[in-house]
Amino acid sequence: MHLDNDNPSFGDFAIRWNKNFADVELEALLLKPILMPEQFNKTLWKKQKRIKEITTFQIVQFFTREKEQSANLEKKCKLLKSIFKHAVLWKIIDERNNPMHGVSKPKSKKMKVETNKFFDKNEIPTLLKVMENSLEHQYLISALALFSGLRRGEVLAITPEVIYWDTNQIHVKRLTVI
């Protein structure tokens, strides 16, 4: 597949990539929140920056700035890798000029998580009240974790075959690594 011109702007190419690949091949829920090419145009390059002019160092600088906000860095990296991979496949850029070569997968800043922090008996009614406004499955998952003491990975590992409705039991067989 060839585009109308030999060197489209990044924005134009990203829109075409979205229409001809992402909308057709990718799960909408996977990338849609970060998929908008406008976001990259605002933060990465000017709207009319030509795709052949983008350098590896510009992408590295983009991820360095994004680390401060640490919003979906891994997904943004996958997204850019896919866009530039398709620019190569569709013969817009040469494989040797793919600016994503040499870009390491960015790591988000790790948030310090307090361990061993539990809800006390006075906080549980407030938590349940707040959870009432959530979706039913979110409420059920949260209530299950709260009242059973299951860890996140144990809750995620629950499948229909480990639920025994007749005895009101759940058999925790495995832990899902998250």
C-alpha atoms as a PDB file:
ATOM      1  CA  MET A   1       0.000   0.000   0.000  1.00  0.00           C
ATOM      2  CA  HIS A   2       1.397   3.398  -0.951  1.00  0.00           C
ATOM      3  CA  LEU A   3       0.208   6.749   0.303  1.00  0.00           C
ATOM      4  CA  ASP A   4      -0.539   9.677  -1.985  1.00  0.00           C
ATOM      5  CA  ASN A   5       2.834  11.311  -1.375  1.00  0.00           C
ATOM      6  CA  ASP A   6       6.315  10.141  -0.566  1.00  0.00           C
ATOM      7  CA  ASN A   7       6.818  12.084   2.651  1.00  0.00           C
ATOM      8  CA  PRO A   8       3.583  12.784   4.539  1.00  0.00           C
ATOM      9  CA  SER A   9       3.562  14.678   7.807  1.00  0.00           C
ATOM     10  CA  PHE A  10       3.597  12.510  10.907  1.00  0.00           C
ATOM     11  CA  GLY A  11       0.027  13.631  11.675  1.00  0.00           C
ATOM     12  CA  ASP A  12      -1.277  12.713   8.218  1.00  0.00           C
ATOM     13  CA  PHE A  13       0.469   9.357   8.296  1.00  0.00           C
ATOM     14  CA  ALA A  14      -0.776   8.590  11.821  1.00  0.00           C
ATOM     15  CA  ILE A  15      -4.362   9.305  10.728  1.00  0.00           C
ATOM     16  CA  ARG A  16      -3.933   6.971   7.748  1.00  0.00           C
ATOM     17  CA  TRP A  17      -2.309   4.340   9.973  1.00  0.00           C
ATOM     18  CA  ASN A  18      -5.269   4.638  12.335  1.00  0.00           C
ATOM     19  CA  LYS A  19      -7.789   4.248   9.518  1.00  0.00           C
ATOM     20  CA  ASN A  20      -6.014   1.488   7.588  1.00  0.00           C
ATOM     21  CA  PHE A  21      -4.520  -0.528  10.424  1.00  0.00           C
ATOM     22  CA  ALA A  22      -5.550   0.366  13.972  1.00  0.00           C
ATOM     23  CA  ASP A  23      -9.306   0.628  13.382  1.00  0.00           C
ATOM     24  CA  VAL A  24      -9.243  -2.647  11.457  1.00  0.00           C
ATOM     25  CA  GLU A  25      -6.725  -4.771  13.342  1.00  0.00           C
ATOM     26  CA  LEU A  26      -6.394  -3.569  16.922  1.00  0.00           C
ATOM     27  CA  GLU A  27      -8.714  -3.968  19.863  1.00  0.00           C
ATOM     28  CA  ALA A  28     -10.369  -0.599  20.319  1.00  0.00           C
ATOM     29  CA  LEU A  29     -10.059  -0.720  24.097  1.00  0.00           C
ATOM     30  CA  LEU A  30      -6.352  -1.392  23.960  1.00  0.00           C
ATOM     31  CA  LEU A  31      -5.150   1.863  22.451  1.00  0.00           C
ATOM     32  CA  LYS A  32      -8.056   4.242  21.909  1.00  0.00           C
ATOM     33  CA  PRO A  33      -7.453   6.367  25.024  1.00  0.00           C
ATOM     34  CA  ILE A  34      -3.955   7.240  23.797  1.00  0.00           C
ATOM     35  CA  LEU A  35      -4.405   6.721  20.077  1.00  0.00           C
ATOM     36  CA  MET A  36      -5.204  10.211  18.958  1.00  0.00           C
ATOM     37  CA  PRO A  37      -2.417  11.438  16.686  1.00  0.00           C
ATOM     38  CA  GLU A  38      -3.210  15.007  17.795  1.00  0.00           C
ATOM     39  CA  GLN A  39      -1.744  14.147  21.196  1.00  0.00           C
ATOM     40  CA  PHE A  40       1.583  13.301  19.584  1.00  0.00           C
ATOM     41  CA  ASN A  41       1.379  16.345  17.338  1.00  0.00           C
ATOM     42  CA  LYS A  42       1.002  18.603  20.367  1.00  0.00           C
ATOM     43  CA  THR A  43       3.674  16.994  22.510  1.00  0.00           C
ATOM     44  CA  LEU A  44       6.058  15.303  20.101  1.00  0.00           C
ATOM     45  CA  TRP A  45       6.300  17.211  16.830  1.00  0.00           C
ATOM     46  CA  LYS A  46       4.666  20.086  15.047  1.00  0.00           C
ATOM     47  CA  LYS A  47       1.678  18.967  13.021  1.00  0.00           C
ATOM     48  CA  GLN A  48       3.507  19.340   9.737  1.00  0.00           C
ATOM     49  CA  LYS A  49       6.716  17.565  10.796  1.00  0.00           C
ATOM     50  CA  ARG A  50       7.494  15.135   7.981  1.00  0.00           C
ATOM     51  CA  ILE A  51       7.721  11.498   8.984  1.00  0.00           C
ATOM     52  CA  LYS A  52      11.107  11.105   7.289  1.00  0.00           C
ATOM     53  CA  GLU A  53      12.514  14.000   9.349  1.00  0.00           C
ATOM     54  CA  ILE A  54      11.770  12.476  12.760  1.00  0.00           C
ATOM     55  CA  THR A  55      14.884  11.258  14.528  1.00  0.00           C
ATOM     56  CA  THR A  56      15.524   8.686  17.217  1.00  0.00           C
ATOM     57  CA  PHE A  57      16.808  11.408  19.520  1.00  0.00           C
ATOM     58  CA  GLN A  58      13.549  13.385  19.169  1.00  0.00           C
ATOM     59  CA  ILE A  59      11.610  10.307  20.265  1.00  0.00           C
ATOM     60  CA  VAL A  60      13.981   9.743  23.195  1.00  0.00           C
ATOM     61  CA  GLN A  61      13.478  13.391  24.215  1.00  0.00           C
ATOM     62  CA  PHE A  62       9.697  12.933  23.948  1.00  0.00           C
ATOM     63  CA  PHE A  63       9.759   9.957  26.327  1.00  0.00           C
ATOM     64  CA  THR A  64      12.077  11.807  28.721  1.00  0.00           C
ATOM     65  CA  ARG A  65       9.500  14.623  28.953  1.00  0.00           C
ATOM     66  CA  GLU A  66       6.621  12.156  29.225  1.00  0.00           C
ATOM     67  CA  LYS A  67       8.244  10.364  32.176  1.00  0.00           C
ATOM     68  CA  GLU A  68       7.405  13.389  34.297  1.00  0.00           C
ATOM     69  CA  GLN A  69       3.716  12.753  33.627  1.00  0.00           C
ATOM     70  CA  SER A  70       4.168   8.961  33.388  1.00  0.00           C
ATOM     71  CA  ALA A  71       0.947   8.504  31.448  1.00  0.00           C
ATOM     72  CA  ASN A  72       0.771   5.291  29.424  1.00  0.00           C
ATOM     73  CA  LEU A  73       4.435   5.316  28.449  1.00  0.00           C
ATOM     74  CA  GLU A  74       4.548   1.669  27.432  1.00  0.00           C
ATOM     75  CA  LYS A  75       1.406   2.000  25.308  1.00  0.00           C
ATOM     76  CA  LYS A  76       2.692   5.174  23.681  1.00  0.00           C
ATOM     77  CA  CYS A  77       5.925   3.361  22.846  1.00  0.00           C
ATOM     78  CA  LYS A  78       4.006   0.418  21.324  1.00  0.00           C
ATOM     79  CA  LEU A  79       1.880   2.852  19.384  1.00  0.00           C
ATOM     80  CA  LEU A  80       4.863   4.701  17.923  1.00  0.00           C
ATOM     81  CA  LYS A  81       6.633   1.426  17.132  1.00  0.00           C
ATOM     82  CA  SER A  82       3.560   0.293  15.210  1.00  0.00           C
ATOM     83  CA  ILE A  83       3.183   3.572  13.341  1.00  0.00           C
ATOM     84  CA  PHE A  84       6.823   3.576  12.230  1.00  0.00           C
ATOM     85  CA  LYS A  85       6.792  -0.173  11.506  1.00  0.00           C
ATOM     86  CA  HIS A  86       3.900   0.423   9.130  1.00  0.00           C
ATOM     87  CA  ALA A  87       5.674   3.394   7.608  1.00  0.00           C
ATOM     88  CA  VAL A  88       8.429   0.911   6.707  1.00  0.00           C
ATOM     89  CA  LEU A  89       5.994  -1.773   5.504  1.00  0.00           C
ATOM     90  CA  TRP A  90       4.110   0.741   3.368  1.00  0.00           C
ATOM     91  CA  LYS A  91       7.427   2.007   1.985  1.00  0.00           C
ATOM     92  CA  ILE A  92       7.165   5.538   3.343  1.00  0.00           C
ATOM     93  CA  ILE A  93      10.467   5.283   5.202  1.00  0.00           C
ATOM     94  CA  ASP A  94      13.381   2.927   4.753  1.00  0.00           C
ATOM     95  CA  GLU A  95      14.022   0.285   7.447  1.00  0.00           C
ATOM     96  CA  ARG A  96      17.434   1.888   8.147  1.00  0.00           C
ATOM     97  CA  ASN A  97      15.701   5.206   8.875  1.00  0.00           C
ATOM     98  CA  ASN A  98      13.108   3.892  11.320  1.00  0.00           C
ATOM     99  CA  PRO A  99      13.554   6.282  14.276  1.00  0.00           C
ATOM    100  CA  MET A 100      12.181   3.717  16.727  1.00  0.00           C
ATOM    101  CA  HIS A 101      15.325   1.604  16.297  1.00  0.00           C
ATOM    102  CA  GLY A 102      17.446   2.379  19.292  1.00  0.00           C
ATOM    103  CA  VAL A 103      14.550   3.603  21.435  1.00  0.00           C
ATOM    104  CA  SER A 104      14.372   1.577  24.624  1.00  0.00           C
ATOM    105  CA  LYS A 105      11.037   0.750  26.167  1.00  0.00           C
ATOM    106  CA  PRO A 106      10.430   3.629  28.575  1.00  0.00           C
ATOM    107  CA  LYS A 107       9.861   2.904  32.219  1.00  0.00           C
ATOM    108  CA  SER A 108       7.304   4.847  34.189  1.00  0.00           C
ATOM    109  CA  LYS A 109       8.314   6.302  37.493  1.00  0.00           C
ATOM    110  CA  LYS A 110       7.453   3.785  40.155  1.00  0.00           C
ATOM    111  CA  MET A 111       5.010   5.076  42.683  1.00  0.00           C
ATOM    112  CA  LYS A 112       5.824   4.137  46.240  1.00  0.00           C
ATOM    113  CA  VAL A 113       3.056   1.882  47.449  1.00  0.00           C
ATOM    114  CA  GLU A 114       2.338   1.615  51.132  1.00  0.00           C
ATOM    115  CA  THR A 115       2.212  -1.979  52.200  1.00  0.00           C
ATOM    116  CA  ASN A 116       0.172  -3.428  55.006  1.00  0.00           C
ATOM    117  CA  LYS A 117      -2.321  -0.591  54.956  1.00  0.00           C
ATOM    118  CA  PHE A 118      -5.748  -1.950  55.759  1.00  0.00           C
ATOM    119  CA  PHE A 119      -9.203  -0.473  56.071  1.00  0.00           C
ATOM    120  CA  ASP A 120     -10.440  -0.236  59.610  1.00  0.00           C
ATOM    121  CA  LYS A 121     -14.028  -1.023  60.644  1.00  0.00           C
ATOM    122  CA  ASN A 122     -15.013   2.658  60.418  1.00  0.00           C
ATOM    123  CA  GLU A 123     -13.712   3.069  56.826  1.00  0.00           C
ATOM    124  CA  ILE A 124     -15.467   0.013  55.329  1.00  0.00           C
ATOM    125  CA  PRO A 125     -19.026   1.512  55.260  1.00  0.00           C
ATOM    126  CA  THR A 126     -17.658   4.629  53.545  1.00  0.00           C
ATOM    127  CA  LEU A 127     -15.819   2.523  51.002  1.00  0.00           C
ATOM    128  CA  LEU A 128     -18.941   0.453  50.271  1.00  0.00           C
ATOM    129  CA  LYS A 129     -20.990   3.635  49.832  1.00  0.00           C
ATOM    130  CA  VAL A 130     -18.469   4.988  47.303  1.00  0.00           C
ATOM    131  CA  MET A 131     -18.363   1.653  45.484  1.00  0.00           C
ATOM    132  CA  GLU A 132     -22.161   1.630  45.039  1.00  0.00           C
ATOM    133  CA  ASN A 133     -21.739   4.075  42.160  1.00  0.00           C
ATOM    134  CA  SER A 134     -19.331   1.803  40.305  1.00  0.00           C
ATOM    135  CA  LEU A 135     -20.244  -0.828  37.739  1.00  0.00           C
ATOM    136  CA  GLU A 136     -21.692  -4.020  39.180  1.00  0.00           C
ATOM    137  CA  HIS A 137     -18.706  -6.203  38.311  1.00  0.00           C
ATOM    138  CA  GLN A 138     -16.304  -3.633  39.801  1.00  0.00           C
ATOM    139  CA  TYR A 139     -18.364  -3.549  42.983  1.00  0.00           C
ATOM    140  CA  LEU A 140     -18.401  -7.339  43.218  1.00  0.00           C
ATOM    141  CA  ILE A 141     -14.661  -7.660  42.626  1.00  0.00           C
ATOM    142  CA  SER A 142     -13.879  -4.959  45.188  1.00  0.00           C
ATOM    143  CA  ALA A 143     -16.275  -6.402  47.771  1.00  0.00           C
ATOM    144  CA  LEU A 144     -14.818  -9.870  47.236  1.00  0.00           C
ATOM    145  CA  ALA A 145     -11.297  -8.604  47.825  1.00  0.00           C
ATOM    146  CA  LEU A 146     -12.390  -6.534  50.817  1.00  0.00           C
ATOM    147  CA  PHE A 147     -14.325  -9.257  52.636  1.00  0.00           C
ATOM    148  CA  SER A 148     -12.234 -12.274  51.697  1.00  0.00           C
ATOM    149  CA  GLY A 149      -8.794 -10.788  52.114  1.00  0.00           C
ATOM    150  CA  LEU A 150      -7.770 -11.997  48.682  1.00  0.00           C
ATOM    151  CA  ARG A 151      -4.900 -10.227  47.001  1.00  0.00           C
ATOM    152  CA  ARG A 152      -5.291  -8.594  43.594  1.00  0.00           C
ATOM    153  CA  GLY A 153      -3.645 -11.482  41.720  1.00  0.00           C
ATOM    154  CA  GLU A 154      -5.839 -14.015  43.514  1.00  0.00           C
ATOM    155  CA  VAL A 155      -9.007 -12.112  42.604  1.00  0.00           C
ATOM    156  CA  LEU A 156      -7.880 -11.901  38.973  1.00  0.00           C
ATOM    157  CA  ALA A 157      -7.295 -15.659  38.906  1.00  0.00           C
ATOM    158  CA  ILE A 158     -10.928 -16.459  39.750  1.00  0.00           C
ATOM    159  CA  THR A 159     -12.619 -18.261  36.881  1.00  0.00           C
ATOM    160  CA  PRO A 160     -16.030 -19.975  36.679  1.00  0.00           C
ATOM    161  CA  GLU A 161     -14.546 -23.405  37.326  1.00  0.00           C
ATOM    162  CA  VAL A 162     -13.300 -22.406  40.794  1.00  0.00           C
ATOM    163  CA  ILE A 163     -16.669 -21.053  41.979  1.00  0.00           C
ATOM    164  CA  TYR A 164     -18.859 -23.579  43.774  1.00  0.00           C
ATOM    165  CA  TRP A 165     -22.293 -22.009  43.896  1.00  0.00           C
ATOM    166  CA  ASP A 166     -23.966 -24.872  45.761  1.00  0.00           C
ATOM    167  CA  THR A 167     -21.629 -24.498  48.750  1.00  0.00           C
ATOM    168  CA  ASN A 168     -20.926 -20.742  48.361  1.00  0.00           C
ATOM    169  CA  GLN A 169     -17.206 -21.347  48.057  1.00  0.00           C
ATOM    170  CA  ILE A 170     -14.400 -20.120  45.848  1.00  0.00           C
ATOM    171  CA  HIS A 171     -11.332 -22.295  45.557  1.00  0.00           C
ATOM    172  CA  VAL A 172      -8.240 -20.143  45.003  1.00  0.00           C
ATOM    173  CA  LYS A 173      -6.034 -22.422  42.912  1.00  0.00           C
ATOM    174  CA  ARG A 174      -3.533 -20.036  41.425  1.00  0.00           C
ATOM    175  CA  LEU A 175      -2.241 -16.524  41.461  1.00  0.00           C
ATOM    176  CA  THR A 176      -2.302 -14.361  38.342  1.00  0.00           C
ATOM    177  CA  VAL A 177       0.888 -12.363  38.042  1.00  0.00           C
ATOM    178  CA  ILE A 178       0.158  -8.713  37.378  1.00  0.00           C
END
